[in-house]
């Protein structure tokens, strides 16, 4: 079960998966880091997609520094070498393509390359942004410049939070929000009461 479902699973359907199928489904929602899903398996059951996200985010933030650094380094640069070579994951390609990062003009490619180089020299890993939270490329450039001014500890937390936001967007494509633990609507026991 290495391919993602065409429609997102309900949380009940997610709970019906065995460990291997769970890891196959969710292993790619964090870039080249299946260990996040593998560790989250032990935190089941999840009351909702949001609870699943929270558990996976706790795994990321609770990892030791070496594993966090490996996680940060596993991400591609924006419009970087992997983008130019076409070797990014499908998710990353789609996310970068949405803002035109895979078809930039020469001047913008140079500007992005300079920022990528400055950022990597300063922090030792690529700049990571949850592109779904940006409406324009200008917004991405603004965020890039602001985060270059961070100290190491602040930026590490910002980068990890961006990884979590990327993960939130990817989870939404494989696990349905809403309807906790059951696909049947809950019957209200508050009928007739005033808010």
N, C-alpha and C. Protein backbone atom coordinates (compact mmCIF):
# COMPACT_ATOMS: atom_id res chain seq x y z
N UNK A 1 0.85 -1.19 0.00
CA UNK A 1 0.00 0.00 0.00
C UNK A 1 0.88 1.23 0.00
N UNK A 2 1.64 1.44 -1.04
CA UNK A 2 2.56 2.55 -1.09
C UNK A 2 1.96 3.79 -1.71
N UNK A 3 0.82 3.65 -2.41
CA UNK A 3 0.21 4.82 -3.03
C UNK A 3 -0.85 5.39 -2.11
N UNK A 4 -1.06 6.69 -2.24
CA UNK A 4 -2.05 7.36 -1.41
C UNK A 4 -3.44 7.10 -1.97
N UNK A 5 -4.45 7.04 -1.11
CA UNK A 5 -5.80 6.82 -1.60
C UNK A 5 -6.26 8.02 -2.43
N UNK A 6 -7.21 7.77 -3.34
CA UNK A 6 -7.72 8.88 -4.15
C UNK A 6 -8.63 9.78 -3.34
N UNK A 7 -9.29 9.23 -2.35
CA UNK A 7 -10.07 10.05 -1.42
C UNK A 7 -9.52 9.84 -0.02
N UNK A 8 -9.49 10.90 0.76
CA UNK A 8 -8.93 10.76 2.11
C UNK A 8 -9.70 9.75 2.96
N UNK A 9 -8.97 9.02 3.78
CA UNK A 9 -9.58 8.05 4.69
C UNK A 9 -10.25 8.78 5.85
N UNK A 10 -11.29 8.16 6.39
CA UNK A 10 -11.85 8.65 7.65
C UNK A 10 -10.89 8.23 8.77
N UNK A 11 -11.04 8.83 9.92
CA UNK A 11 -10.18 8.45 11.05
C UNK A 11 -10.46 7.00 11.44
N UNK A 12 -11.71 6.54 11.28
CA UNK A 12 -12.05 5.14 11.57
C UNK A 12 -11.33 4.21 10.60
N UNK A 13 -11.31 4.56 9.32
CA UNK A 13 -10.59 3.76 8.33
C UNK A 13 -9.09 3.75 8.64
N UNK A 14 -8.57 4.88 9.08
CA UNK A 14 -7.15 4.95 9.44
C UNK A 14 -6.84 3.97 10.56
N UNK A 15 -7.73 3.91 11.56
CA UNK A 15 -7.52 3.00 12.70
C UNK A 15 -7.61 1.53 12.30
N UNK A 16 -8.25 1.24 11.17
CA UNK A 16 -8.36 -0.14 10.74
C UNK A 16 -7.08 -0.64 10.07
N UNK A 17 -6.15 0.27 9.77
CA UNK A 17 -4.90 -0.12 9.12
C UNK A 17 -3.96 -0.79 10.11
N UNK A 18 -3.20 -1.79 9.62
CA UNK A 18 -2.15 -2.35 10.46
C UNK A 18 -0.95 -1.41 10.42
N UNK A 19 0.07 -1.71 11.21
CA UNK A 19 1.21 -0.79 11.34
C UNK A 19 1.90 -0.54 10.00
N UNK A 20 2.09 -1.59 9.21
CA UNK A 20 2.78 -1.42 7.92
C UNK A 20 1.97 -0.52 6.98
N UNK A 21 0.66 -0.72 6.93
CA UNK A 21 -0.19 0.09 6.05
C UNK A 21 -0.26 1.54 6.54
N UNK A 22 -0.34 1.72 7.85
CA UNK A 22 -0.34 3.07 8.45
C UNK A 22 0.94 3.80 8.05
N UNK A 23 2.08 3.13 8.21
CA UNK A 23 3.36 3.75 7.87
C UNK A 23 3.49 4.01 6.38
N UNK A 24 2.96 3.11 5.56
CA UNK A 24 3.00 3.31 4.11
C UNK A 24 2.17 4.52 3.70
N UNK A 25 1.02 4.68 4.34
CA UNK A 25 0.13 5.80 4.02
C UNK A 25 0.70 7.13 4.48
N UNK A 26 1.22 7.17 5.70
CA UNK A 26 1.63 8.44 6.31
C UNK A 26 3.13 8.70 6.30
N UNK A 27 3.91 7.73 5.86
CA UNK A 27 5.36 7.87 5.90
C UNK A 27 5.91 9.01 5.07
N UNK A 28 5.17 9.42 4.04
CA UNK A 28 5.68 10.49 3.17
C UNK A 28 5.11 11.87 3.49
N UNK A 29 4.26 11.99 4.50
CA UNK A 29 3.71 13.32 4.78
C UNK A 29 4.74 14.26 5.40
N UNK A 30 5.85 13.70 5.88
CA UNK A 30 6.98 14.51 6.33
C UNK A 30 8.15 14.11 5.42
N UNK A 31 8.68 15.08 4.72
CA UNK A 31 9.67 14.88 3.66
C UNK A 31 10.80 13.93 4.04
N UNK A 32 10.89 12.80 3.32
CA UNK A 32 11.98 11.82 3.50
C UNK A 32 12.20 11.44 4.97
N UNK A 33 11.13 11.42 5.76
CA UNK A 33 11.26 11.15 7.20
C UNK A 33 10.15 10.24 7.69
N UNK A 34 10.11 8.98 7.22
CA UNK A 34 9.05 8.07 7.63
C UNK A 34 9.05 7.77 9.13
N UNK A 35 10.16 8.06 9.81
CA UNK A 35 10.23 7.81 11.25
C UNK A 35 9.17 8.58 12.02
N UNK A 36 8.69 9.69 11.48
CA UNK A 36 7.66 10.46 12.19
C UNK A 36 6.38 9.63 12.28
N UNK A 37 5.94 9.07 11.16
CA UNK A 37 4.74 8.22 11.17
C UNK A 37 4.98 6.97 12.00
N UNK A 38 6.17 6.39 11.87
CA UNK A 38 6.49 5.17 12.63
C UNK A 38 6.38 5.40 14.12
N UNK A 39 6.86 6.53 14.59
CA UNK A 39 6.77 6.84 16.03
C UNK A 39 5.35 7.22 16.43
N UNK A 40 4.61 7.86 15.53
CA UNK A 40 3.23 8.25 15.85
C UNK A 40 2.31 7.04 16.01
N UNK A 41 2.66 5.93 15.34
CA UNK A 41 1.85 4.71 15.43
C UNK A 41 1.57 4.34 16.88
N UNK A 42 2.58 4.46 17.73
CA UNK A 42 2.43 4.06 19.13
C UNK A 42 1.54 5.02 19.94
N UNK A 43 1.19 6.15 19.36
CA UNK A 43 0.37 7.14 20.06
C UNK A 43 -1.12 6.99 19.75
N UNK A 44 -1.49 5.98 18.94
CA UNK A 44 -2.88 5.74 18.61
C UNK A 44 -3.67 5.38 19.87
N UNK A 45 -4.99 5.51 19.87
CA UNK A 45 -5.83 5.99 18.77
C UNK A 45 -5.87 7.51 18.73
N UNK A 46 -6.25 8.03 17.57
CA UNK A 46 -6.37 9.48 17.37
C UNK A 46 -7.86 9.79 17.27
N UNK A 47 -8.32 10.76 18.02
CA UNK A 47 -9.74 11.09 18.02
C UNK A 47 -10.17 11.76 16.72
N UNK A 48 -9.22 12.34 15.99
CA UNK A 48 -9.56 13.10 14.79
C UNK A 48 -8.28 13.31 13.97
N UNK A 49 -8.45 13.88 12.78
CA UNK A 49 -7.29 14.25 11.97
C UNK A 49 -6.43 15.26 12.74
N UNK A 50 -7.07 16.17 13.43
CA UNK A 50 -6.35 17.18 14.21
C UNK A 50 -5.51 16.52 15.31
N UNK A 51 -6.06 15.49 15.96
CA UNK A 51 -5.32 14.78 17.01
C UNK A 51 -4.14 14.02 16.40
N UNK A 52 -4.33 13.47 15.20
CA UNK A 52 -3.23 12.81 14.49
C UNK A 52 -2.12 13.82 14.20
N UNK A 53 -2.51 14.99 13.69
CA UNK A 53 -1.53 16.04 13.42
C UNK A 53 -0.78 16.40 14.70
N UNK A 54 -1.50 16.61 15.80
CA UNK A 54 -0.86 16.98 17.07
C UNK A 54 0.14 15.92 17.51
N UNK A 55 -0.23 14.65 17.35
CA UNK A 55 0.68 13.57 17.75
C UNK A 55 1.94 13.57 16.90
N UNK A 56 1.78 13.75 15.59
CA UNK A 56 2.94 13.76 14.71
C UNK A 56 3.82 15.00 14.96
N UNK A 57 3.19 16.13 15.26
CA UNK A 57 3.95 17.34 15.59
C UNK A 57 4.73 17.13 16.90
N UNK A 58 4.13 16.44 17.87
CA UNK A 58 4.85 16.14 19.13
C UNK A 58 6.06 15.26 18.86
N UNK A 59 5.92 14.31 17.94
CA UNK A 59 7.04 13.45 17.57
C UNK A 59 8.18 14.31 17.02
N UNK A 60 7.86 15.24 16.13
CA UNK A 60 8.87 16.11 15.52
C UNK A 60 9.54 16.99 16.58
N UNK A 61 8.73 17.68 17.38
CA UNK A 61 9.29 18.60 18.38
C UNK A 61 9.98 17.86 19.52
N UNK A 62 9.61 16.60 19.75
CA UNK A 62 10.23 15.82 20.82
C UNK A 62 11.47 15.04 20.41
N UNK A 63 11.80 15.07 19.13
CA UNK A 63 12.97 14.34 18.64
C UNK A 63 14.25 15.00 19.15
N UNK A 64 15.32 14.22 19.24
CA UNK A 64 16.59 14.81 19.68
C UNK A 64 17.14 15.73 18.60
N UNK A 65 18.13 16.53 18.99
CA UNK A 65 18.65 17.57 18.10
C UNK A 65 19.22 17.00 16.81
N UNK A 66 19.90 15.86 16.88
CA UNK A 66 20.50 15.27 15.68
C UNK A 66 19.42 14.84 14.69
N UNK A 67 18.34 14.25 15.21
CA UNK A 67 17.26 13.81 14.34
C UNK A 67 16.51 15.00 13.76
N UNK A 68 16.32 16.05 14.56
CA UNK A 68 15.70 17.26 14.04
C UNK A 68 16.54 17.87 12.93
N UNK A 69 17.86 17.89 13.12
CA UNK A 69 18.73 18.45 12.07
C UNK A 69 18.65 17.62 10.80
N UNK A 70 18.63 16.30 10.93
CA UNK A 70 18.48 15.43 9.76
C UNK A 70 17.15 15.70 9.07
N UNK A 71 16.10 15.92 9.85
CA UNK A 71 14.79 16.24 9.30
C UNK A 71 14.84 17.55 8.52
N UNK A 72 15.47 18.56 9.09
CA UNK A 72 15.59 19.85 8.41
C UNK A 72 16.37 19.70 7.10
N UNK A 73 17.44 18.94 7.15
CA UNK A 73 18.30 18.76 5.97
C UNK A 73 17.66 17.90 4.89
N UNK A 74 16.61 17.16 5.24
CA UNK A 74 15.93 16.29 4.27
C UNK A 74 15.05 17.06 3.30
N UNK A 75 14.83 18.34 3.57
CA UNK A 75 13.95 19.15 2.73
C UNK A 75 14.70 19.80 1.57
N UNK A 76 14.02 19.96 0.44
CA UNK A 76 14.67 20.60 -0.71
C UNK A 76 14.67 22.12 -0.55
N UNK A 77 15.63 22.76 -1.19
CA UNK A 77 15.62 24.22 -1.25
C UNK A 77 14.49 24.66 -2.16
N UNK A 78 14.01 25.88 -1.95
CA UNK A 78 13.01 26.43 -2.86
C UNK A 78 13.67 26.75 -4.18
N UNK A 79 13.13 26.21 -5.26
CA UNK A 79 13.66 26.42 -6.62
C UNK A 79 15.14 26.08 -6.69
N UNK A 80 15.57 25.11 -5.90
CA UNK A 80 16.99 24.75 -5.83
C UNK A 80 17.37 23.66 -6.82
N UNK A 81 18.49 23.02 -6.54
CA UNK A 81 19.03 22.01 -7.46
C UNK A 81 18.07 20.85 -7.69
N UNK A 82 17.40 20.39 -6.61
CA UNK A 82 16.47 19.27 -6.78
C UNK A 82 15.30 19.66 -7.67
N UNK A 83 14.84 20.91 -7.52
CA UNK A 83 13.75 21.40 -8.38
C UNK A 83 14.20 21.44 -9.84
N UNK A 84 15.40 21.95 -10.06
CA UNK A 84 15.92 22.06 -11.42
C UNK A 84 16.18 20.69 -12.04
N UNK A 85 16.59 19.73 -11.21
CA UNK A 85 16.87 18.38 -11.70
C UNK A 85 15.61 17.51 -11.80
N UNK A 86 14.50 17.99 -11.21
CA UNK A 86 13.26 17.22 -11.22
C UNK A 86 13.29 16.02 -10.29
N UNK A 87 14.08 16.11 -9.21
CA UNK A 87 14.23 14.98 -8.29
C UNK A 87 13.50 15.15 -6.96
N UNK A 88 12.68 16.19 -6.84
CA UNK A 88 11.91 16.39 -5.61
C UNK A 88 10.77 15.37 -5.54
N UNK A 89 10.25 15.18 -4.34
CA UNK A 89 9.07 14.34 -4.19
C UNK A 89 7.91 14.99 -4.94
N UNK A 90 6.92 14.20 -5.28
CA UNK A 90 5.74 14.73 -5.97
C UNK A 90 5.07 15.81 -5.15
N UNK A 91 4.96 15.59 -3.82
CA UNK A 91 4.35 16.60 -2.96
C UNK A 91 5.11 17.93 -3.05
N UNK A 92 6.43 17.87 -2.94
CA UNK A 92 7.23 19.10 -3.01
C UNK A 92 7.12 19.77 -4.37
N UNK A 93 7.12 18.97 -5.43
CA UNK A 93 6.95 19.55 -6.77
C UNK A 93 5.64 20.30 -6.88
N UNK A 94 4.57 19.68 -6.42
CA UNK A 94 3.25 20.32 -6.49
C UNK A 94 3.19 21.58 -5.65
N UNK A 95 3.77 21.53 -4.46
CA UNK A 95 3.75 22.69 -3.56
C UNK A 95 4.55 23.85 -4.15
N UNK A 96 5.73 23.55 -4.71
CA UNK A 96 6.54 24.62 -5.29
C UNK A 96 5.94 25.13 -6.60
N UNK A 97 5.34 24.24 -7.38
CA UNK A 97 4.74 24.65 -8.66
C UNK A 97 3.58 25.61 -8.45
N UNK A 98 2.84 25.47 -7.36
CA UNK A 98 1.66 26.32 -7.12
C UNK A 98 2.01 27.80 -7.14
N UNK A 99 3.19 28.15 -6.65
CA UNK A 99 3.62 29.56 -6.64
C UNK A 99 4.58 29.88 -7.78
N UNK A 100 4.73 28.96 -8.72
CA UNK A 100 5.58 29.22 -9.87
C UNK A 100 7.06 29.04 -9.62
N UNK A 101 7.42 28.37 -8.55
CA UNK A 101 8.84 28.22 -8.21
C UNK A 101 9.59 27.30 -9.17
N UNK A 102 8.86 26.53 -9.97
CA UNK A 102 9.52 25.63 -10.92
C UNK A 102 9.65 26.26 -12.30
N UNK A 103 9.18 27.50 -12.44
CA UNK A 103 9.25 28.17 -13.74
C UNK A 103 9.59 29.66 -13.58
N UNK A 104 10.61 29.94 -12.80
CA UNK A 104 11.01 31.32 -12.53
C UNK A 104 11.86 31.88 -13.67
N UNK A 105 11.80 33.20 -13.83
CA UNK A 105 12.69 33.83 -14.80
C UNK A 105 14.11 33.86 -14.21
N UNK A 106 15.09 34.13 -15.05
CA UNK A 106 16.50 34.04 -14.65
C UNK A 106 16.84 34.94 -13.46
N UNK A 107 16.30 36.15 -13.44
CA UNK A 107 16.61 37.09 -12.35
C UNK A 107 16.05 36.57 -11.02
N UNK A 108 14.86 36.00 -11.05
CA UNK A 108 14.25 35.48 -9.82
C UNK A 108 14.97 34.23 -9.35
N UNK A 109 15.42 33.40 -10.30
CA UNK A 109 16.21 32.22 -9.95
C UNK A 109 17.49 32.66 -9.24
N UNK A 110 18.14 33.70 -9.74
CA UNK A 110 19.37 34.21 -9.10
C UNK A 110 19.09 34.73 -7.70
N UNK A 111 17.98 35.48 -7.55
CA UNK A 111 17.63 36.02 -6.24
C UNK A 111 17.37 34.88 -5.25
N UNK A 112 16.62 33.85 -5.70
CA UNK A 112 16.31 32.72 -4.83
C UNK A 112 17.58 31.95 -4.47
N UNK A 113 18.46 31.76 -5.46
CA UNK A 113 19.71 31.03 -5.20
C UNK A 113 20.57 31.77 -4.18
N UNK A 114 20.62 33.10 -4.27
CA UNK A 114 21.40 33.89 -3.31
C UNK A 114 20.82 33.75 -1.91
N UNK A 115 19.50 33.81 -1.79
CA UNK A 115 18.85 33.66 -0.49
C UNK A 115 19.08 32.25 0.07
N UNK A 116 18.92 31.24 -0.79
CA UNK A 116 19.17 29.87 -0.35
C UNK A 116 20.59 29.71 0.18
N UNK A 117 21.55 30.30 -0.51
CA UNK A 117 22.96 30.19 -0.11
C UNK A 117 23.21 30.90 1.21
N UNK A 118 22.67 32.11 1.37
CA UNK A 118 22.82 32.86 2.63
C UNK A 118 22.20 32.09 3.80
N UNK A 119 21.01 31.56 3.57
CA UNK A 119 20.30 30.86 4.63
C UNK A 119 21.06 29.60 5.04
N UNK A 120 21.47 28.80 4.05
CA UNK A 120 22.19 27.56 4.37
C UNK A 120 23.52 27.86 5.07
N UNK A 121 24.21 28.91 4.65
CA UNK A 121 25.47 29.30 5.30
C UNK A 121 25.23 29.71 6.75
N UNK A 122 24.10 30.36 7.00
CA UNK A 122 23.80 30.85 8.36
C UNK A 122 23.32 29.73 9.28
N UNK A 123 22.43 28.85 8.75
CA UNK A 123 21.78 27.86 9.63
C UNK A 123 22.18 26.41 9.37
N UNK A 124 22.73 26.11 8.20
CA UNK A 124 23.19 24.76 7.92
C UNK A 124 22.16 23.81 7.36
N UNK A 125 21.00 24.31 7.01
CA UNK A 125 19.95 23.50 6.40
C UNK A 125 19.14 24.41 5.48
N UNK A 126 18.32 23.84 4.60
CA UNK A 126 17.57 24.67 3.66
C UNK A 126 16.44 25.45 4.33
N UNK A 127 16.10 26.57 3.73
CA UNK A 127 14.93 27.35 4.15
C UNK A 127 13.69 26.53 3.85
N UNK A 128 12.83 26.37 4.86
CA UNK A 128 11.62 25.57 4.72
C UNK A 128 10.42 26.47 4.98
N UNK A 129 9.49 26.46 4.04
CA UNK A 129 8.27 27.25 4.19
C UNK A 129 7.08 26.41 3.77
N UNK A 130 6.02 26.49 4.53
CA UNK A 130 4.76 25.84 4.15
C UNK A 130 4.13 26.73 3.09
N UNK A 131 4.36 26.41 1.85
CA UNK A 131 3.97 27.28 0.74
C UNK A 131 2.47 27.46 0.63
N UNK A 132 1.69 26.53 1.17
CA UNK A 132 0.23 26.68 1.12
C UNK A 132 -0.24 27.88 1.94
N UNK A 133 0.62 28.36 2.84
CA UNK A 133 0.27 29.53 3.66
C UNK A 133 0.63 30.84 2.98
N UNK A 134 1.21 30.77 1.79
CA UNK A 134 1.61 31.97 1.03
C UNK A 134 0.76 32.09 -0.23
N UNK A 135 0.25 33.29 -0.45
CA UNK A 135 -0.55 33.53 -1.65
C UNK A 135 0.30 33.98 -2.82
N UNK A 136 1.48 34.52 -2.52
CA UNK A 136 2.32 35.07 -3.59
C UNK A 136 3.79 34.72 -3.33
N UNK A 137 4.57 34.80 -4.39
CA UNK A 137 6.00 34.61 -4.27
C UNK A 137 6.62 35.74 -3.45
N UNK A 138 6.06 36.93 -3.56
CA UNK A 138 6.56 38.07 -2.78
C UNK A 138 6.47 37.78 -1.28
N UNK A 139 5.41 37.12 -0.87
CA UNK A 139 5.24 36.74 0.53
C UNK A 139 6.33 35.77 0.97
N UNK A 140 6.71 34.84 0.09
CA UNK A 140 7.77 33.89 0.39
C UNK A 140 9.10 34.63 0.56
N UNK A 141 9.39 35.55 -0.35
CA UNK A 141 10.63 36.33 -0.26
C UNK A 141 10.67 37.16 1.03
N UNK A 142 9.54 37.72 1.40
CA UNK A 142 9.47 38.51 2.63
C UNK A 142 9.77 37.64 3.85
N UNK A 143 9.18 36.45 3.89
CA UNK A 143 9.41 35.52 4.99
C UNK A 143 10.88 35.10 5.03
N UNK A 144 11.45 34.83 3.87
CA UNK A 144 12.86 34.45 3.75
C UNK A 144 13.73 35.51 4.41
N UNK A 145 13.53 36.77 4.04
CA UNK A 145 14.35 37.88 4.57
C UNK A 145 14.17 38.02 6.08
N UNK A 146 12.93 37.92 6.55
CA UNK A 146 12.67 38.06 7.99
C UNK A 146 13.36 36.95 8.78
N UNK A 147 13.27 35.73 8.29
CA UNK A 147 13.82 34.61 9.04
C UNK A 147 15.34 34.57 8.99
N UNK A 148 15.95 35.16 8.00
CA UNK A 148 17.41 35.26 7.97
C UNK A 148 17.95 36.08 9.16
N UNK A 149 17.10 36.91 9.74
CA UNK A 149 17.51 37.74 10.89
C UNK A 149 17.39 37.00 12.22
N UNK A 150 16.80 35.81 12.22
CA UNK A 150 16.63 35.05 13.46
C UNK A 150 17.96 34.54 13.99
N UNK A 151 18.00 34.33 15.33
CA UNK A 151 19.12 33.58 15.90
C UNK A 151 18.86 32.10 15.65
N UNK A 152 19.86 31.27 15.91
CA UNK A 152 19.78 29.83 15.59
C UNK A 152 18.59 29.15 16.27
N UNK A 153 18.41 29.38 17.56
CA UNK A 153 17.33 28.69 18.30
C UNK A 153 15.95 29.10 17.78
N UNK A 154 15.77 30.39 17.55
CA UNK A 154 14.48 30.89 17.06
C UNK A 154 14.20 30.31 15.68
N UNK A 155 15.22 30.29 14.82
CA UNK A 155 14.99 29.80 13.46
C UNK A 155 14.76 28.29 13.44
N UNK A 156 15.44 27.56 14.28
CA UNK A 156 15.19 26.11 14.32
C UNK A 156 13.73 25.84 14.66
N UNK A 157 13.20 26.54 15.65
CA UNK A 157 11.79 26.36 16.01
C UNK A 157 10.86 26.80 14.88
N UNK A 158 11.21 27.91 14.21
CA UNK A 158 10.39 28.38 13.08
C UNK A 158 10.40 27.35 11.96
N UNK A 159 11.57 26.79 11.66
CA UNK A 159 11.68 25.80 10.59
C UNK A 159 10.91 24.53 10.94
N UNK A 160 11.01 24.07 12.19
CA UNK A 160 10.26 22.88 12.60
C UNK A 160 8.75 23.13 12.53
N UNK A 161 8.34 24.35 12.90
CA UNK A 161 6.92 24.68 12.81
C UNK A 161 6.45 24.69 11.36
N UNK A 162 7.30 25.17 10.46
CA UNK A 162 6.95 25.15 9.03
C UNK A 162 6.83 23.71 8.53
N UNK A 163 7.71 22.83 8.99
CA UNK A 163 7.60 21.41 8.63
C UNK A 163 6.25 20.87 9.09
N UNK A 164 5.85 21.24 10.30
CA UNK A 164 4.55 20.79 10.81
C UNK A 164 3.40 21.33 9.94
N UNK A 165 3.52 22.57 9.48
CA UNK A 165 2.48 23.14 8.64
C UNK A 165 2.44 22.47 7.27
N UNK A 166 3.60 22.12 6.72
CA UNK A 166 3.63 21.34 5.47
C UNK A 166 2.93 20.01 5.72
N UNK A 167 3.26 19.37 6.84
CA UNK A 167 2.65 18.09 7.20
C UNK A 167 1.13 18.23 7.34
N UNK A 168 0.66 19.32 7.93
CA UNK A 168 -0.79 19.53 8.10
C UNK A 168 -1.49 19.52 6.74
N UNK A 169 -0.89 20.22 5.77
CA UNK A 169 -1.48 20.25 4.43
C UNK A 169 -1.47 18.89 3.76
N UNK A 170 -0.40 18.14 3.94
CA UNK A 170 -0.30 16.81 3.33
C UNK A 170 -1.25 15.82 4.01
N UNK A 171 -1.38 15.92 5.34
CA UNK A 171 -2.32 15.04 6.06
C UNK A 171 -3.74 15.25 5.57
N UNK A 172 -4.10 16.48 5.25
CA UNK A 172 -5.46 16.78 4.81
C UNK A 172 -5.79 16.08 3.49
N UNK A 173 -4.77 15.69 2.75
CA UNK A 173 -5.01 14.98 1.48
C UNK A 173 -5.15 13.47 1.68
N UNK A 174 -4.79 12.96 2.85
CA UNK A 174 -4.87 11.51 3.06
C UNK A 174 -5.82 11.09 4.20
N UNK A 175 -6.13 12.01 5.11
CA UNK A 175 -7.05 11.70 6.22
C UNK A 175 -8.07 12.82 6.33
N UNK A 176 -9.35 12.44 6.35
CA UNK A 176 -10.42 13.43 6.41
C UNK A 176 -10.45 14.15 7.76
N UNK A 177 -10.76 15.44 7.73
CA UNK A 177 -11.02 16.14 8.99
C UNK A 177 -12.43 15.81 9.46
N UNK A 178 -12.80 16.33 10.60
CA UNK A 178 -14.18 16.17 11.06
C UNK A 178 -14.46 14.81 11.63
N UNK A 179 -15.71 14.47 11.68
CA UNK A 179 -16.28 13.22 12.18
C UNK A 179 -15.32 12.35 12.99
N UNK A 180 -15.07 12.72 14.25
CA UNK A 180 -14.15 11.94 15.06
C UNK A 180 -14.57 10.49 15.22
N UNK A 181 -13.66 9.58 14.99
CA UNK A 181 -13.77 8.15 15.25
C UNK A 181 -14.97 7.42 14.65
N UNK A 182 -15.91 8.11 14.09
CA UNK A 182 -17.04 7.44 13.48
C UNK A 182 -17.53 8.28 12.32
N UNK A 183 -18.02 7.63 11.28
CA UNK A 183 -18.53 8.39 10.15
C UNK A 183 -20.01 8.73 10.35
N UNK A 184 -20.61 8.19 11.42
CA UNK A 184 -22.02 8.50 11.70
C UNK A 184 -22.10 9.80 12.47
N UNK A 185 -23.08 10.68 12.12
CA UNK A 185 -23.20 11.93 12.87
C UNK A 185 -23.62 11.67 14.31
N UNK A 186 -23.06 12.44 15.21
CA UNK A 186 -23.42 12.30 16.62
C UNK A 186 -24.81 12.88 16.85
N UNK A 187 -25.57 12.25 17.73
CA UNK A 187 -26.89 12.75 18.10
C UNK A 187 -26.70 13.73 19.24
N UNK A 188 -27.25 14.90 19.07
CA UNK A 188 -27.08 15.92 20.11
C UNK A 188 -27.91 15.57 21.33
N UNK A 189 -27.30 15.72 22.50
CA UNK A 189 -28.04 15.50 23.75
C UNK A 189 -28.44 16.83 24.35
N UNK A 190 -28.15 17.90 23.60
CA UNK A 190 -28.46 19.24 24.11
C UNK A 190 -29.67 19.84 23.45
N UNK A 191 -30.51 19.03 22.81
CA UNK A 191 -31.68 19.55 22.12
C UNK A 191 -32.58 20.28 23.12
N UNK A 192 -33.01 21.44 22.71
CA UNK A 192 -33.91 22.21 23.55
C UNK A 192 -33.21 23.08 24.57
N UNK A 193 -31.88 23.03 24.67
CA UNK A 193 -31.19 23.89 25.62
C UNK A 193 -30.75 25.16 24.93
N UNK A 194 -30.62 26.20 25.69
CA UNK A 194 -30.22 27.50 25.14
C UNK A 194 -28.70 27.59 25.13
N UNK A 195 -28.12 28.25 24.09
CA UNK A 195 -26.65 28.40 24.07
C UNK A 195 -26.16 29.26 25.19
